[in-house]
Amino acid sequence: MCEVYASTPRERYDSSTRSVRLSGFVTSIRLENEFWWILEKLSAEQHLSVPQFITEIHDEVLERQGEVRNLASLLRVCCARYLERQIPDDTTSVSAVAESG
């Protein structure tokens, strides 16, 4: 199993920094390239640029929670939740198999 993960190309986990304007201030965000690629796909599906998406999610969290403690971590979790939504929910098929067994 480790071979699947150990063979990951370096460019996927190398990180890069991008600048985004949030609330009138420019901030830098450093993420692994894999997360930037996911954010590009997620943003495109929302018909937004990556900076627009980041600004929108930042502002919504700020409004709901009063602060954004760690923007990079928030973005990584957004990516994970996005990927999780891409996986079909097969809990019904699992329970159906269990009942038929």
PDB file of N, CA and C in Angstrom:
ATOM      1  N   MET A   1       0.811  -1.188   0.000  1.00  0.00           N
ATOM      2  CA  MET A   1       0.000   0.000   0.000  1.00  0.00           C
ATOM      3  C   MET A   1       0.859   1.258   0.000  1.00  0.00           C
ATOM      4  N   CYS A   2       1.959   1.277   0.728  1.00  0.00           N
ATOM      5  CA  CYS A   2       2.804   2.471   0.784  1.00  0.00           C
ATOM      6  C   CYS A   2       3.336   2.849  -0.588  1.00  0.00           C
ATOM      7  N   GLU A   3       3.516   1.881  -1.481  1.00  0.00           N
ATOM      8  CA  GLU A   3       4.017   2.163  -2.819  1.00  0.00           C
ATOM      9  C   GLU A   3       3.102   3.140  -3.553  1.00  0.00           C
ATOM     10  N   VAL A   4       1.796   3.017  -3.346  1.00  0.00           N
ATOM     11  CA  VAL A   4       0.843   3.918  -3.986  1.00  0.00           C
ATOM     12  C   VAL A   4       1.129   5.357  -3.577  1.00  0.00           C
ATOM     13  N   TYR A   5       1.403   5.563  -2.305  1.00  0.00           N
ATOM     14  CA  TYR A   5       1.638   6.909  -1.796  1.00  0.00           C
ATOM     15  C   TYR A   5       3.098   7.336  -1.972  1.00  0.00           C
ATOM     16  N   ALA A   6       4.012   6.413  -1.781  1.00  0.00           N
ATOM     17  CA  ALA A   6       5.435   6.738  -1.880  1.00  0.00           C
ATOM     18  C   ALA A   6       5.841   7.097  -3.304  1.00  0.00           C
ATOM     19  N   SER A   7       5.082   6.650  -4.285  1.00  0.00           N
ATOM     20  CA  SER A   7       5.408   6.946  -5.677  1.00  0.00           C
ATOM     21  C   SER A   7       4.794   8.264  -6.161  1.00  0.00           C
ATOM     22  N   THR A   8       4.218   9.028  -5.248  1.00  0.00           N
ATOM     23  CA  THR A   8       3.621  10.313  -5.609  1.00  0.00           C
ATOM     24  C   THR A   8       4.687  11.236  -6.180  1.00  0.00           C
ATOM     25  N   PRO A   9       4.447  11.797  -7.355  1.00  0.00           N
ATOM     26  CA  PRO A   9       5.422  12.711  -7.941  1.00  0.00           C
ATOM     27  C   PRO A   9       5.653  13.936  -7.043  1.00  0.00           C
ATOM     28  N   ARG A  10       6.893  14.340  -6.943  1.00  0.00           N
ATOM     29  CA  ARG A  10       7.285  15.443  -6.060  1.00  0.00           C
ATOM     30  C   ARG A  10       6.506  16.727  -6.344  1.00  0.00           C
ATOM     31  N   GLU A  11       6.225  17.009  -7.616  1.00  0.00           N
ATOM     32  CA  GLU A  11       5.535  18.260  -7.939  1.00  0.00           C
ATOM     33  C   GLU A  11       4.134  18.330  -7.330  1.00  0.00           C
ATOM     34  N   ARG A  12       3.579  17.200  -6.960  1.00  0.00           N
ATOM     35  CA  ARG A  12       2.257  17.205  -6.328  1.00  0.00           C
ATOM     36  C   ARG A  12       2.323  17.661  -4.883  1.00  0.00           C
ATOM     37  N   TYR A  13       3.405  17.360  -4.185  1.00  0.00           N
ATOM     38  CA  TYR A  13       3.497  17.766  -2.784  1.00  0.00           C
ATOM     39  C   TYR A  13       4.464  18.916  -2.537  1.00  0.00           C
ATOM     40  N   ASP A  14       5.157  19.367  -3.582  1.00  0.00           N
ATOM     41  CA  ASP A  14       5.902  20.621  -3.451  1.00  0.00           C
ATOM     42  C   ASP A  14       4.881  21.721  -3.177  1.00  0.00           C
ATOM     43  N   SER A  15       5.299  22.740  -2.475  1.00  0.00           N
ATOM     44  CA  SER A  15       4.350  23.805  -2.163  1.00  0.00           C
ATOM     45  C   SER A  15       4.721  25.080  -2.911  1.00  0.00           C
ATOM     46  N   SER A  16       3.720  25.925  -3.055  1.00  0.00           N
ATOM     47  CA  SER A  16       3.935  27.221  -3.681  1.00  0.00           C
ATOM     48  C   SER A  16       3.067  28.247  -2.968  1.00  0.00           C
ATOM     49  N   THR A  17       3.460  29.493  -3.107  1.00  0.00           N
ATOM     50  CA  THR A  17       2.782  30.594  -2.426  1.00  0.00           C
ATOM     51  C   THR A  17       2.074  31.464  -3.446  1.00  0.00           C
ATOM     52  N   ARG A  18       0.861  31.852  -3.105  1.00  0.00           N
ATOM     53  CA  ARG A  18       0.101  32.772  -3.948  1.00  0.00           C
ATOM     54  C   ARG A  18      -0.390  33.916  -3.070  1.00  0.00           C
ATOM     55  N   SER A  19      -0.531  35.069  -3.666  1.00  0.00           N
ATOM     56  CA  SER A  19      -1.036  36.241  -2.947  1.00  0.00           C
ATOM     57  C   SER A  19      -2.502  36.457  -3.291  1.00  0.00           C
ATOM     58  N   VAL A  20      -3.272  36.819  -2.267  1.00  0.00           N
ATOM     59  CA  VAL A  20      -4.708  37.064  -2.429  1.00  0.00           C
ATOM     60  C   VAL A  20      -5.058  38.314  -1.624  1.00  0.00           C
ATOM     61  N   ARG A  21      -5.941  39.124  -2.166  1.00  0.00           N
ATOM     62  CA  ARG A  21      -6.410  40.309  -1.452  1.00  0.00           C
ATOM     63  C   ARG A  21      -7.673  39.938  -0.676  1.00  0.00           C
ATOM     64  N   LEU A  22      -7.589  40.074   0.642  1.00  0.00           N
ATOM     65  CA  LEU A  22      -8.714  39.790   1.532  1.00  0.00           C
ATOM     66  C   LEU A  22      -9.002  41.021   2.382  1.00  0.00           C
ATOM     67  N   SER A  23     -10.219  41.495   2.322  1.00  0.00           N
ATOM     68  CA  SER A  23     -10.627  42.662   3.109  1.00  0.00           C
ATOM     69  C   SER A  23      -9.684  43.852   2.898  1.00  0.00           C
ATOM     70  N   GLY A  24      -9.242  44.028   1.670  1.00  0.00           N
ATOM     71  CA  GLY A  24      -8.395  45.160   1.335  1.00  0.00           C
ATOM     72  C   GLY A  24      -6.908  44.964   1.614  1.00  0.00           C
ATOM     73  N   PHE A  25      -6.540  43.831   2.186  1.00  0.00           N
ATOM     74  CA  PHE A  25      -5.139  43.552   2.491  1.00  0.00           C
ATOM     75  C   PHE A  25      -4.661  42.374   1.647  1.00  0.00           C
ATOM     76  N   VAL A  26      -3.415  42.428   1.230  1.00  0.00           N
ATOM     77  CA  VAL A  26      -2.842  41.317   0.474  1.00  0.00           C
ATOM     78  C   VAL A  26      -2.218  40.349   1.471  1.00  0.00           C
ATOM     79  N   THR A  27      -2.541  39.083   1.326  1.00  0.00           N
ATOM     80  CA  THR A  27      -1.964  38.050   2.179  1.00  0.00           C
ATOM     81  C   THR A  27      -1.395  36.950   1.298  1.00  0.00           C
ATOM     82  N   SER A  28      -0.413  36.264   1.798  1.00  0.00           N
ATOM     83  CA  SER A  28       0.195  35.152   1.067  1.00  0.00           C
ATOM     84  C   SER A  28      -0.293  33.845   1.669  1.00  0.00           C
ATOM     85  N   ILE A  29      -0.581  32.902   0.795  1.00  0.00           N
ATOM     86  CA  ILE A  29      -1.034  31.582   1.223  1.00  0.00           C
ATOM     87  C   ILE A  29      -0.096  30.552   0.621  1.00  0.00           C
ATOM     88  N   ARG A  30       0.455  29.709   1.465  1.00  0.00           N
ATOM     89  CA  ARG A  30       1.356  28.648   1.002  1.00  0.00           C
ATOM     90  C   ARG A  30       0.637  27.314   1.159  1.00  0.00           C
ATOM     91  N   LEU A  31       0.471  26.613   0.032  1.00  0.00           N
ATOM     92  CA  LEU A  31      -0.167  25.302   0.011  1.00  0.00           C
ATOM     93  C   LEU A  31       0.626  24.373  -0.894  1.00  0.00           C
ATOM     94  N   GLU A  32       0.460  23.095  -0.673  1.00  0.00           N
ATOM     95  CA  GLU A  32       1.021  22.106  -1.575  1.00  0.00           C
ATOM     96  C   GLU A  32       0.306  22.243  -2.915  1.00  0.00           C
ATOM     97  N   ASN A  33       1.029  21.983  -4.009  1.00  0.00           N
ATOM     98  CA  ASN A  33       0.466  22.136  -5.349  1.00  0.00           C
ATOM     99  C   ASN A  33      -0.811  21.323  -5.536  1.00  0.00           C
ATOM    100  N   GLU A  34      -0.870  20.160  -4.929  1.00  0.00           N
ATOM    101  CA  GLU A  34      -2.080  19.332  -5.038  1.00  0.00           C
ATOM    102  C   GLU A  34      -3.320  20.113  -4.598  1.00  0.00           C
ATOM    103  N   PHE A  35      -3.199  20.870  -3.501  1.00  0.00           N
ATOM    104  CA  PHE A  35      -4.334  21.648  -3.013  1.00  0.00           C
ATOM    105  C   PHE A  35      -4.657  22.800  -3.950  1.00  0.00           C
ATOM    106  N   TRP A  36      -3.635  23.437  -4.530  1.00  0.00           N
ATOM    107  CA  TRP A  36      -3.910  24.493  -5.505  1.00  0.00           C
ATOM    108  C   TRP A  36      -4.674  23.934  -6.702  1.00  0.00           C
ATOM    109  N   TRP A  37      -4.302  22.739  -7.168  1.00  0.00           N
ATOM    110  CA  TRP A  37      -5.003  22.129  -8.312  1.00  0.00           C
ATOM    111  C   TRP A  37      -6.462  21.826  -7.962  1.00  0.00           C
ATOM    112  N   ILE A  38      -6.679  21.329  -6.751  1.00  0.00           N
ATOM    113  CA  ILE A  38      -8.057  21.050  -6.324  1.00  0.00           C
ATOM    114  C   ILE A  38      -8.840  22.352  -6.216  1.00  0.00           C
ATOM    115  N   LEU A  39      -8.235  23.386  -5.651  1.00  0.00           N
ATOM    116  CA  LEU A  39      -8.907  24.683  -5.551  1.00  0.00           C
ATOM    117  C   LEU A  39      -9.230  25.251  -6.925  1.00  0.00           C
ATOM    118  N   GLU A  40      -8.370  25.027  -7.901  1.00  0.00           N
ATOM    119  CA  GLU A  40      -8.654  25.490  -9.263  1.00  0.00           C
ATOM    120  C   GLU A  40      -9.895  24.796  -9.820  1.00  0.00           C
ATOM    121  N   LYS A  41      -9.981  23.496  -9.602  1.00  0.00           N
ATOM    122  CA  LYS A  41     -11.148  22.752 -10.085  1.00  0.00           C
ATOM    123  C   LYS A  41     -12.413  23.172  -9.342  1.00  0.00           C
ATOM    124  N   LEU A  42     -12.319  23.258  -8.033  1.00  0.00           N
ATOM    125  CA  LEU A  42     -13.464  23.645  -7.208  1.00  0.00           C
ATOM    126  C   LEU A  42     -13.942  25.047  -7.594  1.00  0.00           C
ATOM    127  N   SER A  43     -13.026  25.976  -7.746  1.00  0.00           N
ATOM    128  CA  SER A  43     -13.368  27.347  -8.124  1.00  0.00           C
ATOM    129  C   SER A  43     -14.032  27.398  -9.487  1.00  0.00           C
ATOM    130  N   ALA A  44     -13.496  26.672 -10.447  1.00  0.00           N
ATOM    131  CA  ALA A  44     -14.067  26.650 -11.795  1.00  0.00           C
ATOM    132  C   ALA A  44     -15.504  26.144 -11.767  1.00  0.00           C
ATOM    133  N   GLU A  45     -15.765  25.139 -10.943  1.00  0.00           N
ATOM    134  CA  GLU A  45     -17.136  24.617 -10.829  1.00  0.00           C
ATOM    135  C   GLU A  45     -18.091  25.653 -10.243  1.00  0.00           C
ATOM    136  N   GLN A  46     -17.551  26.595  -9.482  1.00  0.00           N
ATOM    137  CA  GLN A  46     -18.355  27.681  -8.907  1.00  0.00           C
ATOM    138  C   GLN A  46     -18.369  28.915  -9.815  1.00  0.00           C
ATOM    139  N   HIS A  47     -17.714  28.801 -10.981  1.00  0.00           N
ATOM    140  CA  HIS A  47     -17.585  29.910 -11.938  1.00  0.00           C
ATOM    141  C   HIS A  47     -16.871  31.101 -11.308  1.00  0.00           C
ATOM    142  N   LEU A  48     -15.840  30.794 -10.517  1.00  0.00           N
ATOM    143  CA  LEU A  48     -15.027  31.812  -9.861  1.00  0.00           C
ATOM    144  C   LEU A  48     -13.556  31.551 -10.143  1.00  0.00           C
ATOM    145  N   SER A  49     -12.747  32.586 -10.020  1.00  0.00           N
ATOM    146  CA  SER A  49     -11.304  32.382 -10.052  1.00  0.00           C
ATOM    147  C   SER A  49     -10.897  31.874  -8.665  1.00  0.00           C
ATOM    148  N   VAL A  50      -9.691  31.354  -8.543  1.00  0.00           N
ATOM    149  CA  VAL A  50      -9.223  30.874  -7.238  1.00  0.00           C
ATOM    150  C   VAL A  50      -9.209  32.024  -6.219  1.00  0.00           C
ATOM    151  N   PRO A  51      -8.674  33.198  -6.553  1.00  0.00           N
ATOM    152  CA  PRO A  51      -8.723  34.292  -5.577  1.00  0.00           C
ATOM    153  C   PRO A  51     -10.158  34.682  -5.183  1.00  0.00           C
ATOM    154  N   GLN A  52     -11.071  34.671  -6.138  1.00  0.00           N
ATOM    155  CA  GLN A  52     -12.464  34.981  -5.823  1.00  0.00           C
ATOM    156  C   GLN A  52     -13.049  33.939  -4.875  1.00  0.00           C
ATOM    157  N   PHE A  53     -12.765  32.664  -5.138  1.00  0.00           N
ATOM    158  CA  PHE A  53     -13.269  31.600  -4.272  1.00  0.00           C
ATOM    159  C   PHE A  53     -12.706  31.738  -2.859  1.00  0.00           C
ATOM    160  N   ILE A  54     -11.398  31.965  -2.768  1.00  0.00           N
ATOM    161  CA  ILE A  54     -10.766  32.096  -1.447  1.00  0.00           C
ATOM    162  C   ILE A  54     -11.361  33.285  -0.693  1.00  0.00           C
ATOM    163  N   THR A  55     -11.567  34.399  -1.387  1.00  0.00           N
ATOM    164  CA  THR A  55     -12.167  35.578  -0.761  1.00  0.00           C
ATOM    165  C   THR A  55     -13.568  35.264  -0.274  1.00  0.00           C
ATOM    166  N   GLU A  56     -14.340  34.565  -1.097  1.00  0.00           N
ATOM    167  CA  GLU A  56     -15.718  34.234  -0.728  1.00  0.00           C
ATOM    168  C   GLU A  56     -15.760  33.321   0.495  1.00  0.00           C
ATOM    169  N   ILE A  57     -14.956  32.266   0.497  1.00  0.00           N
ATOM    170  CA  ILE A  57     -14.971  31.337   1.626  1.00  0.00           C
ATOM    171  C   ILE A  57     -14.450  32.042   2.876  1.00  0.00           C
ATOM    172  N   HIS A  58     -13.424  32.863   2.738  1.00  0.00           N
ATOM    173  CA  HIS A  58     -12.887  33.631   3.871  1.00  0.00           C
ATOM    174  C   HIS A  58     -13.966  34.528   4.475  1.00  0.00           C
ATOM    175  N   ASP A  59     -14.646  35.286   3.624  1.00  0.00           N
ATOM    176  CA  ASP A  59     -15.665  36.215   4.102  1.00  0.00           C
ATOM    177  C   ASP A  59     -16.842  35.495   4.745  1.00  0.00           C
ATOM    178  N   GLU A  60     -17.238  34.350   4.191  1.00  0.00           N
ATOM    179  CA  GLU A  60     -18.350  33.590   4.770  1.00  0.00           C
ATOM    180  C   GLU A  60     -17.988  33.017   6.137  1.00  0.00           C
ATOM    181  N   VAL A  61     -16.766  32.501   6.279  1.00  0.00           N
ATOM    182  CA  VAL A  61     -16.326  31.977   7.575  1.00  0.00           C
ATOM    183  C   VAL A  61     -16.208  33.125   8.571  1.00  0.00           C
ATOM    184  N   LEU A  62     -15.688  34.245   8.144  1.00  0.00           N
ATOM    185  CA  LEU A  62     -15.563  35.420   9.004  1.00  0.00           C
ATOM    186  C   LEU A  62     -16.938  35.853   9.513  1.00  0.00           C
ATOM    187  N   GLU A  63     -17.917  35.863   8.629  1.00  0.00           N
ATOM    188  CA  GLU A  63     -19.280  36.251   9.003  1.00  0.00           C
ATOM    189  C   GLU A  63     -19.903  35.256   9.988  1.00  0.00           C
ATOM    190  N   ARG A  64     -19.691  33.961   9.758  1.00  0.00           N
ATOM    191  CA  ARG A  64     -20.300  32.927  10.610  1.00  0.00           C
ATOM    192  C   ARG A  64     -19.571  32.736  11.929  1.00  0.00           C
ATOM    193  N   GLN A  65     -18.233  32.831  11.904  1.00  0.00           N
ATOM    194  CA  GLN A  65     -17.452  32.462  13.079  1.00  0.00           C
ATOM    195  C   GLN A  65     -16.692  33.630  13.700  1.00  0.00           C
ATOM    196  N   GLY A  66     -16.667  34.779  13.037  1.00  0.00           N
ATOM    197  CA  GLY A  66     -16.010  35.949  13.588  1.00  0.00           C
ATOM    198  C   GLY A  66     -14.522  36.040  13.318  1.00  0.00           C
ATOM    199  N   GLU A  67     -13.905  34.958  12.891  1.00  0.00           N
ATOM    200  CA  GLU A  67     -12.481  34.965  12.572  1.00  0.00           C
ATOM    201  C   GLU A  67     -12.140  33.749  11.717  1.00  0.00           C
ATOM    202  N   VAL A  68     -11.019  33.872  11.040  1.00  0.00           N
ATOM    203  CA  VAL A  68     -10.446  32.750  10.301  1.00  0.00           C
ATOM    204  C   VAL A  68      -9.071  32.535  10.910  1.00  0.00           C
ATOM    205  N   ARG A  69      -8.956  31.531  11.763  1.00  0.00           N
ATOM    206  CA  ARG A  69      -7.711  31.332  12.508  1.00  0.00           C
ATOM    207  C   ARG A  69      -6.551  30.906  11.624  1.00  0.00           C
ATOM    208  N   ASN A  70      -6.797  30.000  10.690  1.00  0.00           N
ATOM    209  CA  ASN A  70      -5.717  29.483   9.853  1.00  0.00           C
ATOM    210  C   ASN A  70      -6.280  29.252   8.459  1.00  0.00           C
ATOM    211  N   LEU A  71      -6.069  30.213   7.588  1.00  0.00           N
ATOM    212  CA  LEU A  71      -6.650  30.163   6.244  1.00  0.00           C
ATOM    213  C   LEU A  71      -6.134  28.984   5.438  1.00  0.00           C
ATOM    214  N   ALA A  72      -4.845  28.694   5.521  1.00  0.00           N
ATOM    215  CA  ALA A  72      -4.300  27.564   4.763  1.00  0.00           C
ATOM    216  C   ALA A  72      -4.945  26.256   5.198  1.00  0.00           C
ATOM    217  N   SER A  73      -5.109  26.074   6.501  1.00  0.00           N
ATOM    218  CA  SER A  73      -5.764  24.857   6.994  1.00  0.00           C
ATOM    219  C   SER A  73      -7.214  24.795   6.546  1.00  0.00           C
ATOM    220  N   LEU A  74      -7.904  25.928   6.597  1.00  0.00           N
ATOM    221  CA  LEU A  74      -9.290  25.983   6.133  1.00  0.00           C
ATOM    222  C   LEU A  74      -9.380  25.540   4.673  1.00  0.00           C
ATOM    223  N   LEU A  75      -8.466  26.025   3.849  1.00  0.00           N
ATOM    224  CA  LEU A  75      -8.494  25.677   2.429  1.00  0.00           C
ATOM    225  C   LEU A  75      -8.197  24.199   2.211  1.00  0.00           C
ATOM    226  N   ARG A  76      -7.271  23.643   2.989  1.00  0.00           N
ATOM    227  CA  ARG A  76      -6.996  22.197   2.872  1.00  0.00           C
ATOM    228  C   ARG A  76      -8.238  21.379   3.227  1.00  0.00           C
ATOM    229  N   VAL A  77      -8.925  21.787   4.288  1.00  0.00           N
ATOM    230  CA  VAL A  77     -10.134  21.065   4.694  1.00  0.00           C
ATOM    231  C   VAL A  77     -11.233  21.235   3.643  1.00  0.00           C
ATOM    232  N   CYS A  78     -11.342  22.413   3.050  1.00  0.00           N
ATOM    233  CA  CYS A  78     -12.315  22.609   1.953  1.00  0.00           C
ATOM    234  C   CYS A  78     -12.018  21.637   0.818  1.00  0.00           C
ATOM    235  N   CYS A  79     -10.735  21.468   0.493  1.00  0.00           N
ATOM    236  CA  CYS A  79     -10.347  20.524  -0.557  1.00  0.00           C
ATOM    237  C   CYS A  79     -10.725  19.099  -0.175  1.00  0.00           C
ATOM    238  N   ALA A  80     -10.467  18.727   1.068  1.00  0.00           N
ATOM    239  CA  ALA A  80     -10.805  17.375   1.531  1.00  0.00           C
ATOM    240  C   ALA A  80     -12.311  17.149   1.469  1.00  0.00           C
ATOM    241  N   ARG A  81     -13.081  18.145   1.885  1.00  0.00           N
ATOM    242  CA  ARG A  81     -14.545  18.008   1.843  1.00  0.00           C
ATOM    243  C   ARG A  81     -15.047  17.938   0.402  1.00  0.00           C
ATOM    244  N   TYR A  82     -14.401  18.696  -0.485  1.00  0.00           N
ATOM    245  CA  TYR A  82     -14.744  18.642  -1.907  1.00  0.00           C
ATOM    246  C   TYR A  82     -14.505  17.234  -2.445  1.00  0.00           C
ATOM    247  N   LEU A  83     -13.338  16.666  -2.136  1.00  0.00           N
ATOM    248  CA  LEU A  83     -13.026  15.310  -2.598  1.00  0.00           C
ATOM    249  C   LEU A  83     -13.978  14.290  -1.997  1.00  0.00           C
ATOM    250  N   GLU A  84     -14.321  14.474  -0.742  1.00  0.00           N
ATOM    251  CA  GLU A  84     -15.258  13.564  -0.075  1.00  0.00           C
ATOM    252  C   GLU A  84     -16.610  13.565  -0.787  1.00  0.00           C
ATOM    253  N   ARG A  85     -17.036  14.730  -1.249  1.00  0.00           N
ATOM    254  CA  ARG A  85     -18.315  14.823  -1.971  1.00  0.00           C
ATOM    255  C   ARG A  85     -18.256  14.127  -3.321  1.00  0.00           C
ATOM    256  N   GLN A  86     -17.061  13.912  -3.864  1.00  0.00           N
ATOM    257  CA  GLN A  86     -16.911  13.254  -5.156  1.00  0.00           C
ATOM    258  C   GLN A  86     -17.045  11.741  -5.054  1.00  0.00           C
ATOM    259  N   ILE A  87     -16.957  11.218  -3.833  1.00  0.00           N
ATOM    260  CA  ILE A  87     -17.049   9.776  -3.614  1.00  0.00           C
ATOM    261  C   ILE A  87     -18.519   9.412  -3.455  1.00  0.00           C
ATOM    262  N   PRO A  88     -19.015   8.475  -4.251  1.00  0.00           N
ATOM    263  CA  PRO A  88     -20.422   8.096  -4.141  1.00  0.00           C
ATOM    264  C   PRO A  88     -20.719   7.542  -2.752  1.00  0.00           C
ATOM    265  N   ASP A  89     -21.864   7.910  -2.240  1.00  0.00           N
ATOM    266  CA  ASP A  89     -22.300   7.402  -0.940  1.00  0.00           C
ATOM    267  C   ASP A  89     -22.858   6.008  -1.151  1.00  0.00           C
ATOM    268  N   ASP A  90     -22.075   4.999  -0.782  1.00  0.00           N
ATOM    269  CA  ASP A  90     -22.507   3.624  -1.012  1.00  0.00           C
ATOM    270  C   ASP A  90     -22.911   2.931   0.282  1.00  0.00           C
ATOM    271  N   THR A  91     -23.290   3.699   1.298  1.00  0.00           N
ATOM    272  CA  THR A  91     -23.698   3.086   2.562  1.00  0.00           C
ATOM    273  C   THR A  91     -24.965   2.255   2.378  1.00  0.00           C
ATOM    274  N   THR A  92     -25.838   2.674   1.461  1.00  0.00           N
ATOM    275  CA  THR A  92     -27.055   1.897   1.239  1.00  0.00           C
ATOM    276  C   THR A  92     -26.706   0.546   0.610  1.00  0.00           C
ATOM    277  N   SER A  93     -25.733   0.530  -0.301  1.00  0.00           N
ATOM    278  CA  SER A  93     -25.367  -0.736  -0.921  1.00  0.00           C
ATOM    279  C   SER A  93     -24.661  -1.634   0.069  1.00  0.00           C
ATOM    280  N   VAL A  94     -23.895  -1.063   0.999  1.00  0.00           N
ATOM    281  CA  VAL A  94     -23.225  -1.854   2.023  1.00  0.00           C
ATOM    282  C   VAL A  94     -24.265  -2.514   2.923  1.00  0.00           C
ATOM    283  N   SER A  95     -25.274  -1.749   3.354  1.00  0.00           N
ATOM    284  CA  SER A  95     -26.308  -2.330   4.224  1.00  0.00           C
ATOM    285  C   SER A  95     -27.143  -3.353   3.468  1.00  0.00           C
ATOM    286  N   ALA A  96     -27.365  -3.139   2.177  1.00  0.00           N
ATOM    287  CA  ALA A  96     -28.129  -4.097   1.385  1.00  0.00           C
ATOM    288  C   ALA A  96     -27.359  -5.417   1.270  1.00  0.00           C
ATOM    289  N   VAL A  97     -26.055  -5.345   1.091  1.00  0.00           N
ATOM    290  CA  VAL A  97     -25.230  -6.551   1.011  1.00  0.00           C
ATOM    291  C   VAL A  97     -25.263  -7.280   2.349  1.00  0.00           C
ATOM    292  N   ALA A  98     -25.167  -6.525   3.434  1.00  0.00           N
ATOM    293  CA  ALA A  98     -25.163  -7.134   4.762  1.00  0.00           C
ATOM    294  C   ALA A  98     -26.489  -7.840   5.036  1.00  0.00           C
ATOM    295  N   GLU A  99     -27.598  -7.219   4.607  1.00  0.00           N
ATOM    296  CA  GLU A  99     -28.909  -7.823   4.835  1.00  0.00           C
ATOM    297  C   GLU A  99     -29.117  -9.070   3.989  1.00  0.00           C
ATOM    298  N   SER A 100     -28.538  -9.082   2.782  1.00  0.00           N
ATOM    299  CA  SER A 100     -28.751 -10.230   1.911  1.00  0.00           C
ATOM    300  C   SER A 100     -27.849 -11.399   2.293  1.00  0.00           C
ATOM    301  N   GLY A 101     -26.774 -11.123   3.070  1.00  0.00           N
ATOM    302  CA  GLY A 101     -25.804 -12.159   3.430  1.00  0.00           C
ATOM    303  C   GLY A 101     -26.294 -12.986   4.529  1.00  0.00           C
TER     304      GLY A 101
END
